[in-house]
Amino acid sequence: MSRAPVLQTDRLTLRGQQASDFEAFAAMWGYPDVTRFIGGKPATREEAWNRLLRNIGHWEEMGFGPWMVCDRQTGQLLGDVGFCNFQRSMDPPFGDTPEIGWVMSPAAHGKGLAGEAVAAALAWADANFEGPRTVCIINPANTPSMRLAARMGFKEFARAQYHGEIVQLERWRA
């Protein structure tokens, strides 16, 4: 059983991730359109399994983590949004500030669902985080995510090199 709270929006349910989500989760992370700006290649089943377990573990150890984003009517997995502490090796470092991330399956692209899910997650962060609320890392070529971050009120505070690529570091409510 997940320790993640369930969040509801008009069209979505954000709930804790669980091992039974693996097939849909692995399929989502296997789409080239999903991973184009996140590592550049589809995740293998092994990588997806490790990611899922890491996500589940965040709630247990950190008190925050990613949610599964599901269609409120059908329960279909549409994405993955939430907060992590990845201890990334980059300069400037994030330290222990929770990092938000979002990924949506191709079926959810272009429908405003990512914005709805991110807004729900940020509302939860507003009620549960102190200090600097959250940060994110975005490949500047990822135009949809850059636009979403700007709509949500994120502001660039640095550029960094991460895994051989230049990324933009964004801060929310610093």
C-alpha atoms as a PDB file:
ATOM      1  CA  MET A   1       0.000   0.000   0.000  1.00  0.00           C
ATOM      2  CA  SER A   2       1.327   3.407  -0.981  1.00  0.00           C
ATOM      3  CA  ARG A   3       1.891   6.206   1.529  1.00  0.00           C
ATOM      4  CA  ALA A   4       1.166   8.734  -1.203  1.00  0.00           C
ATOM      5  CA  PRO A   5      -1.983  10.793  -0.746  1.00  0.00           C
ATOM      6  CA  VAL A   6      -4.578  10.593  -3.516  1.00  0.00           C
ATOM      7  CA  LEU A   7      -5.109  13.879  -5.355  1.00  0.00           C
ATOM      8  CA  GLN A   8      -8.108  14.556  -7.607  1.00  0.00           C
ATOM      9  CA  THR A   9      -8.582  17.092 -10.377  1.00  0.00           C
ATOM     10  CA  ASP A  10     -11.486  17.502 -12.786  1.00  0.00           C
ATOM     11  CA  ARG A  11     -10.087  14.867 -15.155  1.00  0.00           C
ATOM     12  CA  LEU A  12      -7.354  13.095 -13.213  1.00  0.00           C
ATOM     13  CA  THR A  13      -6.553  10.995 -10.199  1.00  0.00           C
ATOM     14  CA  LEU A  14      -2.985  11.165  -8.892  1.00  0.00           C
ATOM     15  CA  ARG A  15      -2.263   8.142  -6.735  1.00  0.00           C
ATOM     16  CA  GLY A  16       0.698   6.280  -5.353  1.00  0.00           C
ATOM     17  CA  GLN A  17       2.641   4.007  -7.632  1.00  0.00           C
ATOM     18  CA  GLN A  18       2.656   0.258  -7.066  1.00  0.00           C
ATOM     19  CA  ALA A  19       4.244  -2.842  -8.532  1.00  0.00           C
ATOM     20  CA  SER A  20       0.995  -3.755 -10.297  1.00  0.00           C
ATOM     21  CA  ASP A  21       1.463  -0.624 -12.456  1.00  0.00           C
ATOM     22  CA  PHE A  22       4.598  -2.085 -13.994  1.00  0.00           C
ATOM     23  CA  GLU A  23       3.306  -3.135 -17.435  1.00  0.00           C
ATOM     24  CA  ALA A  24       1.665   0.220 -18.193  1.00  0.00           C
ATOM     25  CA  PHE A  25       4.582   2.101 -16.609  1.00  0.00           C
ATOM     26  CA  ALA A  26       7.166   0.178 -18.670  1.00  0.00           C
ATOM     27  CA  ALA A  27       5.153   0.741 -21.841  1.00  0.00           C
ATOM     28  CA  MET A  28       5.000   4.498 -21.179  1.00  0.00           C
ATOM     29  CA  TRP A  29       8.750   4.749 -20.482  1.00  0.00           C
ATOM     30  CA  GLY A  30       9.400   2.658 -23.606  1.00  0.00           C
ATOM     31  CA  TYR A  31       7.979   5.275 -25.988  1.00  0.00           C
ATOM     32  CA  PRO A  32      10.653   7.305 -27.811  1.00  0.00           C
ATOM     33  CA  ASP A  33       8.388  10.397 -27.616  1.00  0.00           C
ATOM     34  CA  VAL A  34       8.383  10.101 -23.817  1.00  0.00           C
ATOM     35  CA  THR A  35      12.138   9.739 -23.361  1.00  0.00           C
ATOM     36  CA  ARG A  36      13.403  11.942 -26.200  1.00  0.00           C
ATOM     37  CA  PHE A  37      14.413  14.681 -23.736  1.00  0.00           C
ATOM     38  CA  ILE A  38      14.931  12.394 -20.732  1.00  0.00           C
ATOM     39  CA  GLY A  39      18.020  10.364 -21.465  1.00  0.00           C
ATOM     40  CA  GLY A  40      17.314  10.257 -25.198  1.00  0.00           C
ATOM     41  CA  LYS A  41      16.375   6.594 -25.475  1.00  0.00           C
ATOM     42  CA  PRO A  42      13.434   4.430 -24.434  1.00  0.00           C
ATOM     43  CA  ALA A  43      13.821   2.673 -21.097  1.00  0.00           C
ATOM     44  CA  THR A  44      14.323  -1.061 -21.047  1.00  0.00           C
ATOM     45  CA  ARG A  45      11.985  -3.138 -18.877  1.00  0.00           C
ATOM     46  CA  GLU A  46      14.789  -3.434 -16.324  1.00  0.00           C
ATOM     47  CA  GLU A  47      15.292   0.349 -16.243  1.00  0.00           C
ATOM     48  CA  ALA A  48      11.538   0.927 -15.951  1.00  0.00           C
ATOM     49  CA  TRP A  49      11.299  -1.589 -13.080  1.00  0.00           C
ATOM     50  CA  ASN A  50      14.161   0.117 -11.226  1.00  0.00           C
ATOM     51  CA  ARG A  51      12.565   3.542 -11.804  1.00  0.00           C
ATOM     52  CA  LEU A  52       9.210   2.311 -10.493  1.00  0.00           C
ATOM     53  CA  LEU A  53      10.771   0.848  -7.345  1.00  0.00           C
ATOM     54  CA  ARG A  54      12.769   4.038  -6.777  1.00  0.00           C
ATOM     55  CA  ASN A  55       9.584   6.083  -7.108  1.00  0.00           C
ATOM     56  CA  ILE A  56       7.699   3.898  -4.631  1.00  0.00           C
ATOM     57  CA  GLY A  57      10.607   4.119  -2.191  1.00  0.00           C
ATOM     58  CA  HIS A  58      10.600   7.917  -2.221  1.00  0.00           C
ATOM     59  CA  TRP A  59       7.279   8.031  -0.386  1.00  0.00           C
ATOM     60  CA  GLU A  60       8.499   5.613   2.261  1.00  0.00           C
ATOM     61  CA  GLU A  61      11.843   7.271   2.921  1.00  0.00           C
ATOM     62  CA  MET A  62      11.392  10.934   1.951  1.00  0.00           C
ATOM     63  CA  GLY A  63       7.699  11.573   2.626  1.00  0.00           C
ATOM     64  CA  PHE A  64       7.217  12.689  -0.976  1.00  0.00           C
ATOM     65  CA  GLY A  65       7.511  11.082  -4.370  1.00  0.00           C
ATOM     66  CA  PRO A  66       5.875  10.648  -7.755  1.00  0.00           C
ATOM     67  CA  TRP A  67       2.232   9.842  -8.349  1.00  0.00           C
ATOM     68  CA  MET A  68       0.677   7.823 -11.145  1.00  0.00           C
ATOM     69  CA  VAL A  69      -1.467  10.149 -13.208  1.00  0.00           C
ATOM     70  CA  CYS A  70      -4.632   8.307 -14.204  1.00  0.00           C
ATOM     71  CA  ASP A  71      -7.768   9.189 -16.123  1.00  0.00           C
ATOM     72  CA  ARG A  72     -10.368   9.847 -13.433  1.00  0.00           C
ATOM     73  CA  GLN A  73     -13.118   8.032 -15.357  1.00  0.00           C
ATOM     74  CA  THR A  74     -11.294   5.002 -16.764  1.00  0.00           C
ATOM     75  CA  GLY A  75      -8.257   4.634 -14.483  1.00  0.00           C
ATOM     76  CA  GLN A  76      -5.976   4.500 -17.555  1.00  0.00           C
ATOM     77  CA  LEU A  77      -2.357   5.387 -16.782  1.00  0.00           C
ATOM     78  CA  LEU A  78      -1.587   8.716 -18.440  1.00  0.00           C
ATOM     79  CA  GLY A  79       1.652   9.758 -16.808  1.00  0.00           C
ATOM     80  CA  ASP A  80       3.939  10.144 -13.856  1.00  0.00           C
ATOM     81  CA  VAL A  81       4.336  13.401 -11.895  1.00  0.00           C
ATOM     82  CA  GLY A  82       5.820  14.233  -8.543  1.00  0.00           C
ATOM     83  CA  PHE A  83       8.835  14.985  -6.417  1.00  0.00           C
ATOM     84  CA  CYS A  84      12.137  13.197  -5.917  1.00  0.00           C
ATOM     85  CA  ASN A  85      15.541  13.694  -4.399  1.00  0.00           C
ATOM     86  CA  PHE A  86      17.965  12.224  -6.928  1.00  0.00           C
ATOM     87  CA  GLN A  87      21.190  13.578  -5.400  1.00  0.00           C
ATOM     88  CA  ARG A  88      22.233  14.613  -8.915  1.00  0.00           C
ATOM     89  CA  SER A  89      25.922  15.267  -9.485  1.00  0.00           C
ATOM     90  CA  MET A  90      25.847  18.681 -11.117  1.00  0.00           C
ATOM     91  CA  ASP A  91      26.768  22.258 -10.415  1.00  0.00           C
ATOM     92  CA  PRO A  92      24.907  24.012  -8.982  1.00  0.00           C
ATOM     93  CA  PRO A  93      23.524  21.154  -6.881  1.00  0.00           C
ATOM     94  CA  PHE A  94      19.882  20.969  -5.763  1.00  0.00           C
ATOM     95  CA  GLY A  95      20.859  19.744  -2.304  1.00  0.00           C
ATOM     96  CA  ASP A  96      17.805  18.357  -0.537  1.00  0.00           C
ATOM     97  CA  THR A  97      15.281  20.572  -2.327  1.00  0.00           C
ATOM     98  CA  PRO A  98      12.601  18.286  -3.807  1.00  0.00           C
ATOM     99  CA  GLU A  99      12.803  18.114  -7.589  1.00  0.00           C
ATOM    100  CA  ILE A 100       9.562  17.931  -9.525  1.00  0.00           C
ATOM    101  CA  GLY A 101       9.328  15.950 -12.729  1.00  0.00           C
ATOM    102  CA  TRP A 102       6.549  15.102 -15.129  1.00  0.00           C
ATOM    103  CA  VAL A 103       6.140  12.585 -17.914  1.00  0.00           C
ATOM    104  CA  MET A 104       2.983  11.971 -19.893  1.00  0.00           C
ATOM    105  CA  SER A 105       2.190   9.114 -22.244  1.00  0.00           C
ATOM    106  CA  PRO A 106       1.708  10.005 -25.920  1.00  0.00           C
ATOM    107  CA  ALA A 107      -2.069   9.471 -25.508  1.00  0.00           C
ATOM    108  CA  ALA A 108      -2.110  12.427 -23.084  1.00  0.00           C
ATOM    109  CA  HIS A 109       0.033  14.848 -25.094  1.00  0.00           C
ATOM    110  CA  GLY A 110      -1.528  18.134 -26.173  1.00  0.00           C
ATOM    111  CA  LYS A 111      -4.629  17.906 -23.937  1.00  0.00           C
ATOM    112  CA  GLY A 112      -3.567  20.070 -21.003  1.00  0.00           C
ATOM    113  CA  LEU A 113      -3.361  17.031 -18.727  1.00  0.00           C
ATOM    114  CA  ALA A 114       0.276  17.606 -17.759  1.00  0.00           C
ATOM    115  CA  GLY A 115      -0.599  21.118 -16.600  1.00  0.00           C
ATOM    116  CA  GLU A 116      -3.535  19.801 -14.589  1.00  0.00           C
ATOM    117  CA  ALA A 117      -1.358  17.137 -12.933  1.00  0.00           C
ATOM    118  CA  VAL A 118       1.562  19.482 -12.240  1.00  0.00           C
ATOM    119  CA  ALA A 119      -0.782  22.111 -10.767  1.00  0.00           C
ATOM    120  CA  ALA A 120      -2.221  19.487  -8.383  1.00  0.00           C
ATOM    121  CA  ALA A 121       1.268  18.363  -7.355  1.00  0.00           C
ATOM    122  CA  LEU A 122       2.392  21.956  -6.776  1.00  0.00           C
ATOM    123  CA  ALA A 123      -0.696  22.665  -4.657  1.00  0.00           C
ATOM    124  CA  TRP A 124       0.258  19.636  -2.554  1.00  0.00           C
ATOM    125  CA  ALA A 125       3.855  20.951  -2.328  1.00  0.00           C
ATOM    126  CA  ASP A 126       2.588  24.355  -1.219  1.00  0.00           C
ATOM    127  CA  ALA A 127       0.829  22.715   1.714  1.00  0.00           C
ATOM    128  CA  ASN A 128       3.648  20.287   2.598  1.00  0.00           C
ATOM    129  CA  PHE A 129       7.075  21.805   1.813  1.00  0.00           C
ATOM    130  CA  GLU A 130       8.900  24.544   3.654  1.00  0.00           C
ATOM    131  CA  GLY A 131      11.707  26.719   2.342  1.00  0.00           C
ATOM    132  CA  PRO A 132      12.472  26.595  -1.348  1.00  0.00           C
ATOM    133  CA  ARG A 133       9.452  24.711  -2.622  1.00  0.00           C
ATOM    134  CA  THR A 134      10.800  22.758  -5.585  1.00  0.00           C
ATOM    135  CA  VAL A 135      13.158  22.815  -8.538  1.00  0.00           C
ATOM    136  CA  CYS A 136      13.201  21.072 -11.897  1.00  0.00           C
ATOM    137  CA  ILE A 137      15.635  20.244 -14.658  1.00  0.00           C
ATOM    138  CA  ILE A 138      14.539  20.598 -18.290  1.00  0.00           C
ATOM    139  CA  ASN A 139      16.289  20.099 -21.593  1.00  0.00           C
ATOM    140  CA  PRO A 140      15.898  23.550 -23.242  1.00  0.00           C
ATOM    141  CA  ALA A 141      14.885  21.828 -26.501  1.00  0.00           C
ATOM    142  CA  ASN A 142      11.829  20.359 -24.750  1.00  0.00           C
ATOM    143  CA  THR A 143       9.520  23.200 -25.735  1.00  0.00           C
ATOM    144  CA  PRO A 144       6.299  21.750 -24.244  1.00  0.00           C
ATOM    145  CA  SER A 145       7.929  21.264 -20.825  1.00  0.00           C
ATOM    146  CA  MET A 146       9.564  24.687 -20.971  1.00  0.00           C
ATOM    147  CA  ARG A 147       6.156  26.270 -21.678  1.00  0.00           C
ATOM    148  CA  LEU A 148       4.509  24.269 -18.889  1.00  0.00           C
ATOM    149  CA  ALA A 149       7.187  25.271 -16.381  1.00  0.00           C
ATOM    150  CA  ALA A 150       6.739  28.937 -17.314  1.00  0.00           C
ATOM    151  CA  ARG A 151       2.923  28.684 -16.961  1.00  0.00           C
ATOM    152  CA  MET A 152       3.372  27.130 -13.517  1.00  0.00           C
ATOM    153  CA  GLY A 153       5.622  29.985 -12.394  1.00  0.00           C
ATOM    154  CA  PHE A 154       9.043  28.353 -12.630  1.00  0.00           C
ATOM    155  CA  LYS A 155      11.977  30.674 -13.285  1.00  0.00           C
ATOM    156  CA  GLU A 156      15.390  29.768 -14.657  1.00  0.00           C
ATOM    157  CA  PHE A 157      18.184  30.119 -12.125  1.00  0.00           C
ATOM    158  CA  ALA A 158      21.062  28.359 -13.897  1.00  0.00           C
ATOM    159  CA  ARG A 159      22.231  26.251 -16.798  1.00  0.00           C
ATOM    160  CA  ALA A 160      24.271  23.149 -16.120  1.00  0.00           C
ATOM    161  CA  GLN A 161      25.838  20.215 -17.856  1.00  0.00           C
ATOM    162  CA  TYR A 162      24.227  16.917 -16.934  1.00  0.00           C
ATOM    163  CA  HIS A 163      25.104  13.595 -18.592  1.00  0.00           C
ATOM    164  CA  GLY A 164      26.838  15.452 -21.401  1.00  0.00           C
ATOM    165  CA  GLU A 165      23.930  17.777 -22.206  1.00  0.00           C
ATOM    166  CA  ILE A 166      23.150  21.362 -21.289  1.00  0.00           C
ATOM    167  CA  VAL A 167      20.036  21.557 -19.114  1.00  0.00           C
ATOM    168  CA  GLN A 168      18.081  24.433 -17.668  1.00  0.00           C
ATOM    169  CA  LEU A 169      17.523  24.528 -13.917  1.00  0.00           C
ATOM    170  CA  GLU A 170      14.239  26.075 -12.811  1.00  0.00           C
ATOM    171  CA  ARG A 171      13.013  27.136  -9.375  1.00  0.00           C
ATOM    172  CA  TRP A 172       9.442  27.525  -8.138  1.00  0.00           C
ATOM    173  CA  ARG A 173       8.648  30.031  -5.405  1.00  0.00           C
ATOM    174  CA  ALA A 174      12.210  30.536  -4.264  1.00  0.00           C
END
